[in-house]
N, C-alpha and C. Protein backbone atom coordinates (compact mmCIF):
# COMPACT_ATOMS: atom_id res chain seq x y z
N MET A 1 0.82 -1.19 0.00
CA MET A 1 0.00 0.00 0.00
C MET A 1 0.87 1.25 0.00
N ASN A 2 1.96 1.24 0.78
CA ASN A 2 2.85 2.40 0.81
C ASN A 2 3.51 2.62 -0.55
N LEU A 3 3.84 1.55 -1.26
CA LEU A 3 4.43 1.67 -2.58
C LEU A 3 3.45 2.34 -3.55
N LEU A 4 2.21 1.91 -3.47
CA LEU A 4 1.18 2.50 -4.32
C LEU A 4 0.98 3.99 -4.01
N THR A 5 0.99 4.33 -2.74
CA THR A 5 0.84 5.73 -2.33
C THR A 5 2.00 6.58 -2.83
N SER A 6 3.22 6.06 -2.69
CA SER A 6 4.38 6.83 -3.14
C SER A 6 4.40 6.97 -4.66
N LEU A 7 4.01 5.92 -5.38
CA LEU A 7 3.92 6.04 -6.85
C LEU A 7 2.86 7.06 -7.26
N TRP A 8 1.73 7.04 -6.57
CA TRP A 8 0.66 7.99 -6.89
C TRP A 8 1.12 9.43 -6.62
N SER A 9 1.87 9.67 -5.56
CA SER A 9 2.34 11.02 -5.25
C SER A 9 3.37 11.50 -6.27
N ILE A 10 4.07 10.59 -6.90
CA ILE A 10 5.02 10.98 -7.97
C ILE A 10 4.25 11.33 -9.24
N VAL A 11 3.24 10.54 -9.57
CA VAL A 11 2.46 10.77 -10.78
C VAL A 11 1.59 12.01 -10.65
N CYS A 12 0.90 12.17 -9.53
CA CYS A 12 -0.01 13.29 -9.30
C CYS A 12 0.31 13.94 -7.96
N PRO A 13 1.28 14.84 -7.92
CA PRO A 13 1.64 15.47 -6.65
C PRO A 13 0.53 16.40 -6.15
N ASP A 14 0.42 16.52 -4.85
CA ASP A 14 -0.56 17.39 -4.22
C ASP A 14 -0.01 18.81 -4.21
N ARG A 15 -0.63 19.70 -4.96
CA ARG A 15 -0.12 21.07 -5.11
C ARG A 15 -0.84 22.08 -4.21
N ARG A 16 -1.63 21.58 -3.28
CA ARG A 16 -2.33 22.49 -2.38
C ARG A 16 -1.36 23.13 -1.40
N PRO A 17 -1.71 24.33 -0.89
CA PRO A 17 -0.84 24.97 0.12
C PRO A 17 -0.77 24.14 1.40
N GLU A 18 0.30 24.30 2.12
CA GLU A 18 0.52 23.52 3.35
C GLU A 18 -0.57 23.78 4.38
N ARG A 19 -1.06 25.02 4.47
CA ARG A 19 -2.09 25.31 5.47
C ARG A 19 -3.38 24.54 5.17
N GLU A 20 -3.68 24.34 3.90
CA GLU A 20 -4.88 23.57 3.53
C GLU A 20 -4.69 22.09 3.86
N LYS A 21 -3.48 21.58 3.62
CA LYS A 21 -3.19 20.19 3.96
C LYS A 21 -3.28 19.98 5.47
N ALA A 22 -2.74 20.94 6.23
CA ALA A 22 -2.79 20.84 7.69
C ALA A 22 -4.23 20.91 8.19
N ARG A 23 -5.04 21.75 7.57
CA ARG A 23 -6.45 21.87 7.95
C ARG A 23 -7.19 20.55 7.69
N GLU A 24 -6.88 19.91 6.56
CA GLU A 24 -7.50 18.62 6.24
C GLU A 24 -7.07 17.55 7.24
N ARG A 25 -5.79 17.55 7.63
CA ARG A 25 -5.31 16.57 8.60
C ARG A 25 -6.00 16.76 9.95
N LYS A 26 -6.20 18.04 10.36
CA LYS A 26 -6.87 18.32 11.62
C LYS A 26 -8.32 17.85 11.59
N PHE A 27 -8.99 18.04 10.45
CA PHE A 27 -10.37 17.59 10.32
C PHE A 27 -10.45 16.07 10.43
N ILE A 28 -9.56 15.38 9.75
CA ILE A 28 -9.54 13.91 9.79
C ILE A 28 -9.27 13.42 11.20
N GLN A 29 -8.34 14.07 11.89
CA GLN A 29 -8.03 13.70 13.26
C GLN A 29 -9.25 13.93 14.16
N ALA A 30 -9.94 15.05 13.98
CA ALA A 30 -11.13 15.33 14.79
C ALA A 30 -12.24 14.33 14.51
N ALA A 31 -12.44 13.99 13.24
CA ALA A 31 -13.47 13.00 12.89
C ALA A 31 -13.13 11.63 13.46
N ASN A 32 -11.86 11.27 13.44
CA ASN A 32 -11.45 9.97 13.98
C ASN A 32 -11.56 9.92 15.50
N SER A 33 -11.54 11.08 16.16
CA SER A 33 -11.62 11.09 17.62
C SER A 33 -13.05 10.95 18.13
N LEU A 34 -14.05 11.07 17.24
CA LEU A 34 -15.43 10.91 17.67
C LEU A 34 -15.69 9.45 18.02
N LYS A 35 -16.27 9.22 19.17
CA LYS A 35 -16.45 7.86 19.66
C LYS A 35 -17.61 7.15 18.97
N THR A 36 -18.68 7.87 18.65
CA THR A 36 -19.89 7.22 18.13
C THR A 36 -20.07 7.40 16.63
N LEU A 37 -19.05 7.82 15.94
CA LEU A 37 -19.14 7.99 14.49
C LEU A 37 -19.21 6.63 13.82
N ARG A 38 -20.22 6.43 13.01
CA ARG A 38 -20.40 5.18 12.28
C ARG A 38 -20.53 5.49 10.80
N VAL A 39 -19.85 4.72 9.96
CA VAL A 39 -19.92 4.89 8.51
C VAL A 39 -20.54 3.63 7.92
N THR A 40 -21.53 3.84 7.05
CA THR A 40 -22.19 2.70 6.40
C THR A 40 -21.39 2.29 5.17
N PRO A 41 -21.61 1.08 4.66
CA PRO A 41 -20.90 0.66 3.44
C PRO A 41 -21.21 1.56 2.23
N GLU A 42 -22.38 2.20 2.24
CA GLU A 42 -22.73 3.10 1.14
C GLU A 42 -22.08 4.47 1.26
N GLY A 43 -21.44 4.76 2.39
CA GLY A 43 -20.75 6.04 2.57
C GLY A 43 -21.49 7.01 3.46
N GLY A 44 -22.65 6.62 4.00
CA GLY A 44 -23.37 7.49 4.93
C GLY A 44 -22.72 7.49 6.29
N MET A 45 -22.95 8.56 7.05
CA MET A 45 -22.36 8.65 8.38
C MET A 45 -23.45 8.96 9.41
N SER A 46 -23.25 8.49 10.62
CA SER A 46 -24.15 8.83 11.72
C SER A 46 -23.31 9.03 12.97
N ILE A 47 -23.83 9.87 13.86
CA ILE A 47 -23.14 10.16 15.12
C ILE A 47 -24.21 10.41 16.18
N ASP A 48 -23.89 10.08 17.40
CA ASP A 48 -24.80 10.32 18.51
C ASP A 48 -24.92 11.83 18.71
N PRO A 49 -26.13 12.39 18.66
CA PRO A 49 -26.30 13.84 18.81
C PRO A 49 -25.78 14.36 20.15
N GLU A 50 -25.85 13.54 21.18
CA GLU A 50 -25.38 13.99 22.49
C GLU A 50 -23.86 14.22 22.48
N GLU A 51 -23.13 13.35 21.80
CA GLU A 51 -21.67 13.54 21.70
C GLU A 51 -21.35 14.81 20.92
N LEU A 52 -22.09 15.04 19.85
CA LEU A 52 -21.89 16.24 19.04
C LEU A 52 -22.18 17.50 19.87
N ARG A 53 -23.24 17.46 20.66
CA ARG A 53 -23.60 18.59 21.52
C ARG A 53 -22.49 18.86 22.52
N GLU A 54 -21.93 17.81 23.11
CA GLU A 54 -20.83 17.98 24.07
C GLU A 54 -19.61 18.62 23.41
N GLN A 55 -19.31 18.19 22.18
CA GLN A 55 -18.17 18.75 21.45
C GLN A 55 -18.39 20.23 21.18
N ILE A 56 -19.60 20.61 20.79
CA ILE A 56 -19.91 22.01 20.48
C ILE A 56 -19.80 22.87 21.73
N ILE A 57 -20.34 22.38 22.84
CA ILE A 57 -20.27 23.15 24.09
C ILE A 57 -18.83 23.33 24.53
N ALA A 58 -18.03 22.29 24.42
CA ALA A 58 -16.61 22.38 24.79
C ALA A 58 -15.88 23.38 23.89
N SER A 59 -16.18 23.38 22.60
CA SER A 59 -15.54 24.31 21.68
C SER A 59 -15.96 25.74 21.97
N ARG A 60 -17.22 25.94 22.29
CA ARG A 60 -17.70 27.30 22.63
C ARG A 60 -16.97 27.83 23.86
N GLU A 61 -16.83 26.99 24.87
CA GLU A 61 -16.13 27.42 26.08
C GLU A 61 -14.67 27.75 25.78
N GLN A 62 -14.07 26.98 24.92
CA GLN A 62 -12.67 27.18 24.59
C GLN A 62 -12.45 28.47 23.80
N LEU A 63 -13.42 28.85 22.96
CA LEU A 63 -13.25 29.99 22.07
C LEU A 63 -14.12 31.19 22.44
N LYS A 64 -14.70 31.22 23.62
CA LYS A 64 -15.62 32.30 23.97
C LYS A 64 -14.93 33.66 24.06
N HIS A 65 -13.62 33.69 24.19
CA HIS A 65 -12.92 34.97 24.24
C HIS A 65 -12.92 35.67 22.88
N LEU A 66 -13.29 34.96 21.81
CA LEU A 66 -13.32 35.56 20.48
C LEU A 66 -14.67 36.19 20.14
N VAL A 67 -15.67 35.99 20.97
CA VAL A 67 -17.02 36.46 20.70
C VAL A 67 -17.17 37.91 21.12
N TYR A 68 -17.85 38.71 20.29
CA TYR A 68 -18.10 40.12 20.60
C TYR A 68 -19.08 40.23 21.75
N LYS A 69 -18.75 41.06 22.73
CA LYS A 69 -19.63 41.27 23.88
C LYS A 69 -20.30 42.63 23.70
N PRO A 70 -21.63 42.69 23.73
CA PRO A 70 -22.34 43.95 23.46
C PRO A 70 -21.96 45.09 24.38
N GLY A 71 -21.60 44.85 25.62
CA GLY A 71 -21.27 45.92 26.55
C GLY A 71 -19.86 46.48 26.35
N ALA A 72 -19.02 45.78 25.63
CA ALA A 72 -17.62 46.21 25.45
C ALA A 72 -17.52 47.26 24.35
N SER A 73 -16.61 48.21 24.52
CA SER A 73 -16.41 49.23 23.49
C SER A 73 -15.53 48.67 22.38
N SER A 74 -15.76 49.17 21.18
CA SER A 74 -14.99 48.67 20.04
C SER A 74 -14.64 49.84 19.14
N ARG A 75 -13.38 49.96 18.75
CA ARG A 75 -12.95 51.05 17.89
C ARG A 75 -13.46 50.88 16.46
N SER A 76 -13.67 49.66 16.00
CA SER A 76 -14.09 49.45 14.62
C SER A 76 -15.47 50.04 14.38
N PHE A 77 -16.37 49.96 15.37
CA PHE A 77 -17.70 50.55 15.21
C PHE A 77 -17.60 52.07 15.25
N LYS A 78 -16.73 52.62 16.07
CA LYS A 78 -16.54 54.06 16.14
C LYS A 78 -15.97 54.58 14.83
N ALA A 79 -15.04 53.84 14.25
CA ALA A 79 -14.45 54.26 12.99
C ALA A 79 -15.49 54.28 11.89
N ALA A 80 -16.40 53.33 11.86
CA ALA A 80 -17.46 53.31 10.86
C ALA A 80 -18.37 54.51 11.03
N GLY A 81 -18.64 54.90 12.26
CA GLY A 81 -19.46 56.09 12.52
C GLY A 81 -18.75 57.35 12.06
N ASP A 82 -17.44 57.44 12.25
CA ASP A 82 -16.67 58.60 11.80
C ASP A 82 -16.74 58.75 10.30
N VAL A 83 -16.73 57.65 9.56
CA VAL A 83 -16.81 57.70 8.10
C VAL A 83 -18.15 58.27 7.68
N GLN A 84 -19.22 57.89 8.35
CA GLN A 84 -20.54 58.41 8.02
C GLN A 84 -20.61 59.91 8.27
N VAL A 85 -20.07 60.36 9.39
CA VAL A 85 -20.06 61.79 9.70
C VAL A 85 -19.27 62.54 8.65
N GLU A 86 -18.13 62.00 8.23
CA GLU A 86 -17.30 62.63 7.22
C GLU A 86 -18.04 62.74 5.89
N GLN A 87 -18.79 61.70 5.51
CA GLN A 87 -19.54 61.74 4.26
C GLN A 87 -20.64 62.79 4.31
N GLU A 88 -21.29 62.94 5.48
CA GLU A 88 -22.35 63.94 5.60
C GLU A 88 -21.79 65.34 5.55
N ALA A 89 -20.60 65.55 6.07
CA ALA A 89 -19.99 66.86 6.10
C ALA A 89 -19.37 67.25 4.77
N ASN A 90 -19.03 66.31 3.92
CA ASN A 90 -18.36 66.58 2.65
C ASN A 90 -19.40 66.96 1.59
N PRO A 91 -19.33 68.19 1.04
CA PRO A 91 -20.31 68.60 0.04
C PRO A 91 -20.13 67.89 -1.31
N ALA A 92 -18.99 67.27 -1.53
CA ALA A 92 -18.74 66.60 -2.81
C ALA A 92 -19.51 65.29 -2.91
N VAL A 93 -19.95 64.76 -1.78
CA VAL A 93 -20.69 63.51 -1.79
C VAL A 93 -22.13 63.80 -2.18
N GLU A 94 -22.60 63.15 -3.22
CA GLU A 94 -23.95 63.39 -3.69
C GLU A 94 -24.95 62.55 -2.91
N ALA A 95 -26.16 63.08 -2.81
CA ALA A 95 -27.23 62.32 -2.15
C ALA A 95 -27.68 61.22 -3.08
N PRO A 96 -28.11 60.09 -2.54
CA PRO A 96 -28.57 59.02 -3.40
C PRO A 96 -29.84 59.42 -4.16
N VAL A 97 -29.96 58.97 -5.38
CA VAL A 97 -31.11 59.29 -6.22
C VAL A 97 -32.19 58.26 -5.94
N SER A 98 -33.41 58.74 -5.68
CA SER A 98 -34.48 57.80 -5.38
C SER A 98 -35.06 57.26 -6.67
N ALA A 99 -35.84 56.21 -6.59
CA ALA A 99 -36.43 55.56 -7.78
C ALA A 99 -37.45 56.46 -8.43
N ILE A 100 -38.06 57.38 -7.67
CA ILE A 100 -39.08 58.27 -8.22
C ILE A 100 -38.45 59.33 -9.12
N ASP A 101 -37.24 59.78 -8.79
CA ASP A 101 -36.57 60.80 -9.61
C ASP A 101 -36.28 60.22 -10.94
């Protein structure tokens, strides 16, 4: 099997970027770590919904620092507001034409 794999890689090398290959390896590793994942001979897959729910909750807890919190101040929203004020103050900016005009 290894001989066949090495021959195939010589004939048709994988030209994808390394980050994409690493992402695919991580996905395969995550799928293989699921305890209740079952694959049918036809290629269908099934998993216990409770295990999936546990995985999602664990991931949310791990990444909750990336979620925007409504009470926190953010410069990106302030910058967008500044652009609107600048457009209103600039006489060169034309008003949008309505469909009736």
